[in-house]
Amino acid sequence: MLGSSKPSTPLPPFLFSLSIRKIRTRHQIKSFQEEVLARVAATSICDFFNLILSCKAFHQTADDNYILGHVSLDKVPVIPWRSPKQAFFLEKCKETGHPEALYREGVVQYFSFAKVGEGLNCLNSAAKVGHVGAAYVLGVILLCIDKGGDGRRLLNYVKSKKGIGESRKKFKDVINRLWLNNFLEPKPNACPMQAQHRRKQRWPSDDDDDDDDDVSCEACGCHLQVIFVCNLLRGIVTY
């Protein structure tokens, strides 16, 4: 019959709910992509690059600040001299506030380029968001430039996180890749009982987190870290 139309068959209840769910998740696709990329990026930068090359949607999301703030830099050189792409990528990570990128930049600026202000700013920014290695290096620097109170607080924070050993190894690894142009000079240890407080007569080892546990005085324990870093910068074998 002309003009008649067959009434549309209603969607089964479970299909209707799926269609509504699909509409809802459209607004969550980007955040889901960001979370996936952030997790992959935090694990392996190689897998991260492979993923964004394999999918247009992931490629478009890869520049998100949240993702760049979580990417692993383990495979990225401290200073990627031979790779402009890696240098550009590292700079973008630093701009997003990536703690490890800020830490590296701080060490490079302070000890290699001798740009003290820029180095301190980067290390301070990284330490503020909980980067233990940055807190360690910044604490030692502050102890060497007459800001002992702040320096001791930072080193006590690192010690509370059981991060002394790892921070030494990380710092050693970074400066071994740099041409050093700026060094630290330790201030005298003002503790009148330092001989009694220093019970273990050997230098701290970069793989031992408990070296300063045998030093009962906070000032002596912090001074021990300062001497370790100052000697390390000058190439003096301390262990």
C-alpha atoms as a PDB file:
ATOM      1  CA  MET A   1       0.000   0.000   0.000  1.00  0.00           C
ATOM      2  CA  LEU A   2       1.330   3.393  -1.071  1.00  0.00           C
ATOM      3  CA  GLY A   3       2.386   5.680   1.703  1.00  0.00           C
ATOM      4  CA  SER A   4       2.685   2.876   4.168  1.00  0.00           C
ATOM      5  CA  SER A   5       5.979   2.113   5.798  1.00  0.00           C
ATOM      6  CA  LYS A   6       7.025  -0.784   7.873  1.00  0.00           C
ATOM      7  CA  PRO A   7       7.621   0.301  11.455  1.00  0.00           C
ATOM      8  CA  SER A   8      11.264   0.094  12.405  1.00  0.00           C
ATOM      9  CA  THR A   9      12.171  -2.794  14.606  1.00  0.00           C
ATOM     10  CA  PRO A  10      13.167  -1.494  18.029  1.00  0.00           C
ATOM     11  CA  LEU A  11      16.669  -2.276  19.208  1.00  0.00           C
ATOM     12  CA  PRO A  12      16.902  -5.100  21.694  1.00  0.00           C
ATOM     13  CA  PRO A  13      17.555  -3.738  25.170  1.00  0.00           C
ATOM     14  CA  PHE A  14      21.188  -4.911  25.295  1.00  0.00           C
ATOM     15  CA  LEU A  15      21.985  -3.361  21.847  1.00  0.00           C
ATOM     16  CA  PHE A  16      20.385  -0.108  22.935  1.00  0.00           C
ATOM     17  CA  SER A  17      22.584   0.042  26.004  1.00  0.00           C
ATOM     18  CA  LEU A  18      25.678  -0.668  23.873  1.00  0.00           C
ATOM     19  CA  SER A  19      24.828   2.157  21.488  1.00  0.00           C
ATOM     20  CA  ILE A  20      24.440   4.591  24.375  1.00  0.00           C
ATOM     21  CA  ARG A  21      27.738   3.366  25.836  1.00  0.00           C
ATOM     22  CA  LYS A  22      29.479   3.909  22.501  1.00  0.00           C
ATOM     23  CA  ILE A  23      28.275   7.500  22.385  1.00  0.00           C
ATOM     24  CA  ARG A  24      29.503   8.089  25.924  1.00  0.00           C
ATOM     25  CA  THR A  25      32.951   6.655  25.318  1.00  0.00           C
ATOM     26  CA  ARG A  26      33.607   8.956  22.381  1.00  0.00           C
ATOM     27  CA  HIS A  27      34.355  11.640  24.926  1.00  0.00           C
ATOM     28  CA  GLN A  28      36.745   9.298  26.729  1.00  0.00           C
ATOM     29  CA  ILE A  29      38.764   8.097  23.722  1.00  0.00           C
ATOM     30  CA  LYS A  30      41.417  10.790  23.978  1.00  0.00           C
ATOM     31  CA  SER A  31      41.963  10.296  27.701  1.00  0.00           C
ATOM     32  CA  PHE A  32      42.146   6.535  27.148  1.00  0.00           C
ATOM     33  CA  GLN A  33      44.747   7.012  24.406  1.00  0.00           C
ATOM     34  CA  GLU A  34      46.722   9.341  26.649  1.00  0.00           C
ATOM     35  CA  GLU A  35      46.720   6.818  29.482  1.00  0.00           C
ATOM     36  CA  VAL A  36      47.850   3.984  27.196  1.00  0.00           C
ATOM     37  CA  LEU A  37      50.649   6.090  25.714  1.00  0.00           C
ATOM     38  CA  ALA A  38      51.733   7.362  29.119  1.00  0.00           C
ATOM     39  CA  ARG A  39      52.044   3.838  30.493  1.00  0.00           C
ATOM     40  CA  VAL A  40      53.990   2.613  27.479  1.00  0.00           C
ATOM     41  CA  ALA A  41      56.173   5.728  27.486  1.00  0.00           C
ATOM     42  CA  ALA A  42      57.027   5.254  31.154  1.00  0.00           C
ATOM     43  CA  THR A  43      58.182   1.703  30.439  1.00  0.00           C
ATOM     44  CA  SER A  44      60.089   1.958  27.159  1.00  0.00           C
ATOM     45  CA  ILE A  45      60.746   4.878  24.847  1.00  0.00           C
ATOM     46  CA  CYS A  46      61.352   2.412  21.981  1.00  0.00           C
ATOM     47  CA  ASP A  47      57.901   0.859  22.433  1.00  0.00           C
ATOM     48  CA  PHE A  48      56.460   4.371  22.724  1.00  0.00           C
ATOM     49  CA  PHE A  49      57.857   5.447  19.345  1.00  0.00           C
ATOM     50  CA  ASN A  50      56.790   2.168  17.731  1.00  0.00           C
ATOM     51  CA  LEU A  51      53.263   2.652  19.029  1.00  0.00           C
ATOM     52  CA  ILE A  52      52.852   6.212  17.748  1.00  0.00           C
ATOM     53  CA  LEU A  53      54.212   5.173  14.351  1.00  0.00           C
ATOM     54  CA  SER A  54      51.742   2.306  14.093  1.00  0.00           C
ATOM     55  CA  CYS A  55      48.572   4.304  14.734  1.00  0.00           C
ATOM     56  CA  LYS A  56      47.511   7.737  13.459  1.00  0.00           C
ATOM     57  CA  ALA A  57      45.345   8.392  16.514  1.00  0.00           C
ATOM     58  CA  PHE A  58      48.227   7.651  18.885  1.00  0.00           C
ATOM     59  CA  HIS A  59      50.560   9.784  16.770  1.00  0.00           C
ATOM     60  CA  GLN A  60      48.206  12.757  17.109  1.00  0.00           C
ATOM     61  CA  THR A  61      48.051  12.289  20.875  1.00  0.00           C
ATOM     62  CA  ALA A  62      51.791  11.785  21.454  1.00  0.00           C
ATOM     63  CA  ASP A  63      52.586  15.472  22.012  1.00  0.00           C
ATOM     64  CA  ASP A  64      50.292  15.711  25.013  1.00  0.00           C
ATOM     65  CA  ASN A  65      52.044  17.210  28.055  1.00  0.00           C
ATOM     66  CA  TYR A  66      50.812  14.434  30.320  1.00  0.00           C
ATOM     67  CA  ILE A  67      52.444  11.808  28.115  1.00  0.00           C
ATOM     68  CA  LEU A  68      55.717  13.695  27.654  1.00  0.00           C
ATOM     69  CA  GLY A  69      55.840  14.151  31.409  1.00  0.00           C
ATOM     70  CA  HIS A  70      55.892  10.367  31.948  1.00  0.00           C
ATOM     71  CA  VAL A  71      58.089   9.072  29.127  1.00  0.00           C
ATOM     72  CA  SER A  72      61.129   6.990  30.090  1.00  0.00           C
ATOM     73  CA  LEU A  73      64.440   8.650  29.168  1.00  0.00           C
ATOM     74  CA  ASP A  74      66.638   5.641  29.951  1.00  0.00           C
ATOM     75  CA  LYS A  75      67.586   5.192  26.282  1.00  0.00           C
ATOM     76  CA  VAL A  76      68.015   8.901  25.553  1.00  0.00           C
ATOM     77  CA  PRO A  77      71.580  10.280  25.894  1.00  0.00           C
ATOM     78  CA  VAL A  78      72.191  12.975  28.512  1.00  0.00           C
ATOM     79  CA  ILE A  79      73.257  15.295  25.682  1.00  0.00           C
ATOM     80  CA  PRO A  80      72.149  13.862  22.307  1.00  0.00           C
ATOM     81  CA  TRP A  81      74.872  15.581  20.274  1.00  0.00           C
ATOM     82  CA  ARG A  82      74.357  13.464  17.142  1.00  0.00           C
ATOM     83  CA  SER A  83      70.578  13.378  17.062  1.00  0.00           C
ATOM     84  CA  PRO A  84      68.650  16.640  16.574  1.00  0.00           C
ATOM     85  CA  LYS A  85      65.403  14.670  16.901  1.00  0.00           C
ATOM     86  CA  GLN A  86      66.380  13.328  20.319  1.00  0.00           C
ATOM     87  CA  ALA A  87      67.563  16.788  21.386  1.00  0.00           C
ATOM     88  CA  PHE A  88      64.227  18.278  20.293  1.00  0.00           C
ATOM     89  CA  PHE A  89      62.327  15.516  22.081  1.00  0.00           C
ATOM     90  CA  LEU A  90      64.346  16.023  25.285  1.00  0.00           C
ATOM     91  CA  GLU A  91      63.692  19.761  25.144  1.00  0.00           C
ATOM     92  CA  LYS A  92      59.952  19.150  24.802  1.00  0.00           C
ATOM     93  CA  CYS A  93      60.046  16.824  27.814  1.00  0.00           C
ATOM     94  CA  LYS A  94      61.823  19.498  29.844  1.00  0.00           C
ATOM     95  CA  GLU A  95      59.197  22.074  28.861  1.00  0.00           C
ATOM     96  CA  THR A  96      56.435  19.812  30.170  1.00  0.00           C
ATOM     97  CA  GLY A  97      58.176  19.569  33.552  1.00  0.00           C
ATOM     98  CA  HIS A  98      59.477  16.013  33.134  1.00  0.00           C
ATOM     99  CA  PRO A  99      61.467  15.454  36.395  1.00  0.00           C
ATOM    100  CA  GLU A 100      64.272  13.402  34.835  1.00  0.00           C
ATOM    101  CA  ALA A 101      64.676  15.864  31.945  1.00  0.00           C
ATOM    102  CA  LEU A 102      64.861  18.755  34.421  1.00  0.00           C
ATOM    103  CA  TYR A 103      67.397  16.863  36.549  1.00  0.00           C
ATOM    104  CA  ARG A 104      69.655  16.193  33.569  1.00  0.00           C
ATOM    105  CA  GLU A 105      69.357  19.767  32.358  1.00  0.00           C
ATOM    106  CA  GLY A 106      70.193  21.053  35.831  1.00  0.00           C
ATOM    107  CA  VAL A 107      73.355  18.955  36.093  1.00  0.00           C
ATOM    108  CA  VAL A 108      74.441  19.889  32.560  1.00  0.00           C
ATOM    109  CA  GLN A 109      73.829  23.602  33.040  1.00  0.00           C
ATOM    110  CA  TYR A 110      75.489  23.782  36.450  1.00  0.00           C
ATOM    111  CA  PHE A 111      78.529  21.550  36.014  1.00  0.00           C
ATOM    112  CA  SER A 112      79.182  21.591  32.255  1.00  0.00           C
ATOM    113  CA  PHE A 113      78.022  24.998  31.006  1.00  0.00           C
ATOM    114  CA  ALA A 114      78.690  26.727  34.366  1.00  0.00           C
ATOM    115  CA  LYS A 115      75.276  28.416  34.229  1.00  0.00           C
ATOM    116  CA  VAL A 116      74.658  28.351  37.942  1.00  0.00           C
ATOM    117  CA  GLY A 117      71.253  30.049  38.031  1.00  0.00           C
ATOM    118  CA  GLU A 118      69.740  27.919  35.286  1.00  0.00           C
ATOM    119  CA  GLY A 119      71.175  24.756  36.795  1.00  0.00           C
ATOM    120  CA  LEU A 120      69.790  25.503  40.239  1.00  0.00           C
ATOM    121  CA  ASN A 121      66.362  26.375  38.836  1.00  0.00           C
ATOM    122  CA  CYS A 122      66.107  23.088  36.940  1.00  0.00           C
ATOM    123  CA  LEU A 123      67.306  21.009  39.891  1.00  0.00           C
ATOM    124  CA  ASN A 124      64.922  22.832  42.209  1.00  0.00           C
ATOM    125  CA  SER A 125      61.974  22.246  39.850  1.00  0.00           C
ATOM    126  CA  ALA A 126      62.781  18.529  39.654  1.00  0.00           C
ATOM    127  CA  ALA A 127      63.282  18.221  43.420  1.00  0.00           C
ATOM    128  CA  LYS A 128      59.931  19.934  44.077  1.00  0.00           C
ATOM    129  CA  VAL A 129      58.070  17.140  42.278  1.00  0.00           C
ATOM    130  CA  GLY A 130      59.946  14.431  44.170  1.00  0.00           C
ATOM    131  CA  HIS A 131      62.967  13.616  41.993  1.00  0.00           C
ATOM    132  CA  VAL A 132      65.310  12.108  44.594  1.00  0.00           C
ATOM    133  CA  GLY A 133      68.453  12.466  42.483  1.00  0.00           C
ATOM    134  CA  ALA A 134      67.801  16.177  41.977  1.00  0.00           C
ATOM    135  CA  ALA A 135      67.216  16.639  45.704  1.00  0.00           C
ATOM    136  CA  TYR A 136      70.554  14.932  46.417  1.00  0.00           C
ATOM    137  CA  VAL A 137      72.611  17.055  44.008  1.00  0.00           C
ATOM    138  CA  LEU A 138      70.822  20.265  44.993  1.00  0.00           C
ATOM    139  CA  GLY A 139      71.340  19.488  48.679  1.00  0.00           C
ATOM    140  CA  VAL A 140      75.085  19.031  48.190  1.00  0.00           C
ATOM    141  CA  ILE A 141      75.347  22.251  46.158  1.00  0.00           C
ATOM    142  CA  LEU A 142      73.487  24.247  48.809  1.00  0.00           C
ATOM    143  CA  LEU A 143      75.802  22.918  51.508  1.00  0.00           C
ATOM    144  CA  CYS A 144      78.728  24.223  49.457  1.00  0.00           C
ATOM    145  CA  ILE A 145      77.265  27.718  48.971  1.00  0.00           C
ATOM    146  CA  ASP A 146      76.398  28.559  52.571  1.00  0.00           C
ATOM    147  CA  LYS A 147      72.788  27.375  52.531  1.00  0.00           C
ATOM    148  CA  GLY A 148      73.390  24.491  54.873  1.00  0.00           C
ATOM    149  CA  GLY A 149      69.934  24.378  56.430  1.00  0.00           C
ATOM    150  CA  ASP A 150      68.187  23.815  53.110  1.00  0.00           C
ATOM    151  CA  GLY A 151      70.931  21.450  51.977  1.00  0.00           C
ATOM    152  CA  ARG A 152      70.602  19.254  55.074  1.00  0.00           C
ATOM    153  CA  ARG A 153      66.829  19.118  54.724  1.00  0.00           C
ATOM    154  CA  LEU A 154      67.154  17.909  51.144  1.00  0.00           C
ATOM    155  CA  LEU A 155      69.729  15.246  52.020  1.00  0.00           C
ATOM    156  CA  ASN A 156      67.581  14.084  54.930  1.00  0.00           C
ATOM    157  CA  TYR A 157      64.677  13.739  52.495  1.00  0.00           C
ATOM    158  CA  VAL A 158      66.832  11.628  50.166  1.00  0.00           C
ATOM    159  CA  LYS A 159      67.949   9.460  53.082  1.00  0.00           C
ATOM    160  CA  SER A 160      64.331   8.965  54.192  1.00  0.00           C
ATOM    161  CA  LYS A 161      63.558   7.641  50.706  1.00  0.00           C
ATOM    162  CA  LYS A 162      66.544   5.245  50.834  1.00  0.00           C
ATOM    163  CA  GLY A 163      67.838   7.084  47.791  1.00  0.00           C
ATOM    164  CA  ILE A 164      71.447   7.904  48.679  1.00  0.00           C
ATOM    165  CA  GLY A 165      73.031   5.020  46.784  1.00  0.00           C
ATOM    166  CA  GLU A 166      70.874   5.380  43.679  1.00  0.00           C
ATOM    167  CA  SER A 167      71.427   9.148  43.627  1.00  0.00           C
ATOM    168  CA  ARG A 168      75.200   8.682  43.721  1.00  0.00           C
ATOM    169  CA  LYS A 169      75.086   6.216  40.847  1.00  0.00           C
ATOM    170  CA  LYS A 170      72.806   8.437  38.769  1.00  0.00           C
ATOM    171  CA  PHE A 171      74.964  11.523  39.311  1.00  0.00           C
ATOM    172  CA  LYS A 172      78.135   9.602  38.505  1.00  0.00           C
ATOM    173  CA  ASP A 173      76.559   8.249  35.324  1.00  0.00           C
ATOM    174  CA  VAL A 174      75.535  11.730  34.148  1.00  0.00           C
ATOM    175  CA  ILE A 175      78.801  13.565  34.839  1.00  0.00           C
ATOM    176  CA  ASN A 176      80.803  10.769  33.188  1.00  0.00           C
ATOM    177  CA  ARG A 177      79.182  11.906  29.932  1.00  0.00           C
ATOM    178  CA  LEU A 178      79.994  15.587  30.393  1.00  0.00           C
ATOM    179  CA  TRP A 179      82.928  17.928  30.004  1.00  0.00           C
ATOM    180  CA  LEU A 180      83.059  19.508  33.459  1.00  0.00           C
ATOM    181  CA  ASN A 181      83.697  23.237  33.788  1.00  0.00           C
ATOM    182  CA  ASN A 182      82.316  23.958  37.234  1.00  0.00           C
ATOM    183  CA  PHE A 183      83.258  22.283  40.502  1.00  0.00           C
ATOM    184  CA  LEU A 184      82.285  22.421  44.159  1.00  0.00           C
ATOM    185  CA  GLU A 185      84.385  23.294  47.168  1.00  0.00           C
ATOM    186  CA  PRO A 186      83.306  21.809  50.494  1.00  0.00           C
ATOM    187  CA  LYS A 187      82.834  24.063  53.469  1.00  0.00           C
ATOM    188  CA  PRO A 188      84.655  22.997  56.659  1.00  0.00           C
ATOM    189  CA  ASN A 189      82.719  20.642  58.876  1.00  0.00           C
ATOM    190  CA  ALA A 190      81.808  22.784  61.868  1.00  0.00           C
ATOM    191  CA  CYS A 191      80.943  19.850  64.115  1.00  0.00           C
ATOM    192  CA  PRO A 192      83.352  19.913  67.102  1.00  0.00           C
ATOM    193  CA  MET A 193      83.026  16.151  67.614  1.00  0.00           C
ATOM    194  CA  GLN A 194      83.415  15.011  64.029  1.00  0.00           C
ATOM    195  CA  ALA A 195      86.205  12.559  64.860  1.00  0.00           C
ATOM    196  CA  GLN A 196      83.957  10.735  67.331  1.00  0.00           C
ATOM    197  CA  HIS A 197      80.916  10.900  65.079  1.00  0.00           C
ATOM    198  CA  ARG A 198      82.679   9.432  62.079  1.00  0.00           C
ATOM    199  CA  ARG A 199      82.956   5.821  63.214  1.00  0.00           C
ATOM    200  CA  LYS A 200      83.362   4.175  59.822  1.00  0.00           C
ATOM    201  CA  GLN A 201      86.715   5.150  58.345  1.00  0.00           C
ATOM    202  CA  ARG A 202      86.051   4.682  54.646  1.00  0.00           C
ATOM    203  CA  TRP A 203      84.453   6.600  51.812  1.00  0.00           C
ATOM    204  CA  PRO A 204      80.803   6.024  50.950  1.00  0.00           C
ATOM    205  CA  SER A 205      80.207   3.561  48.145  1.00  0.00           C
ATOM    206  CA  ASP A 206      77.824   4.442  45.359  1.00  0.00           C
ATOM    207  CA  ASP A 207      76.053   1.104  45.721  1.00  0.00           C
ATOM    208  CA  ASP A 208      75.567   1.261  49.487  1.00  0.00           C
ATOM    209  CA  ASP A 209      72.673   3.235  50.947  1.00  0.00           C
ATOM    210  CA  ASP A 210      73.734   2.744  54.543  1.00  0.00           C
ATOM    211  CA  ASP A 211      77.182   4.335  54.558  1.00  0.00           C
ATOM    212  CA  ASP A 212      76.092   7.394  56.487  1.00  0.00           C
ATOM    213  CA  ASP A 213      73.965   5.366  58.894  1.00  0.00           C
ATOM    214  CA  ASP A 214      77.100   4.891  61.010  1.00  0.00           C
ATOM    215  CA  VAL A 215      77.441   8.677  61.358  1.00  0.00           C
ATOM    216  CA  SER A 216      75.406   9.703  64.376  1.00  0.00           C
ATOM    217  CA  CYS A 217      75.592  13.437  63.621  1.00  0.00           C
ATOM    218  CA  GLU A 218      73.448  15.002  60.882  1.00  0.00           C
ATOM    219  CA  ALA A 219      76.105  17.607  60.037  1.00  0.00           C
ATOM    220  CA  CYS A 220      78.810  14.948  59.740  1.00  0.00           C
ATOM    221  CA  GLY A 221      76.619  12.685  57.630  1.00  0.00           C
ATOM    222  CA  CYS A 222      75.815  15.519  55.212  1.00  0.00           C
ATOM    223  CA  HIS A 223      79.476  16.582  55.096  1.00  0.00           C
ATOM    224  CA  LEU A 224      80.366  13.040  54.102  1.00  0.00           C
ATOM    225  CA  GLN A 225      78.082  13.332  51.059  1.00  0.00           C
ATOM    226  CA  VAL A 226      79.584  16.696  50.124  1.00  0.00           C
ATOM    227  CA  ILE A 227      83.130  15.296  50.199  1.00  0.00           C
ATOM    228  CA  PHE A 228      82.028  12.319  48.110  1.00  0.00           C
ATOM    229  CA  VAL A 229      80.484  14.514  45.379  1.00  0.00           C
ATOM    230  CA  CYS A 230      83.329  17.053  45.366  1.00  0.00           C
ATOM    231  CA  ASN A 231      85.892  14.296  44.928  1.00  0.00           C
ATOM    232  CA  LEU A 232      83.793  12.597  42.281  1.00  0.00           C
ATOM    233  CA  LEU A 233      83.669  15.814  40.263  1.00  0.00           C
ATOM    234  CA  ARG A 234      87.456  16.069  40.361  1.00  0.00           C
ATOM    235  CA  GLY A 235      87.930  12.482  39.327  1.00  0.00           C
ATOM    236  CA  ILE A 236      89.209  11.338  42.713  1.00  0.00           C
ATOM    237  CA  VAL A 237      88.434   7.689  43.365  1.00  0.00           C
ATOM    238  CA  THR A 238      86.640   7.575  46.696  1.00  0.00           C
ATOM    239  CA  TYR A 239      85.827   3.900  46.935  1.00  0.00           C
END
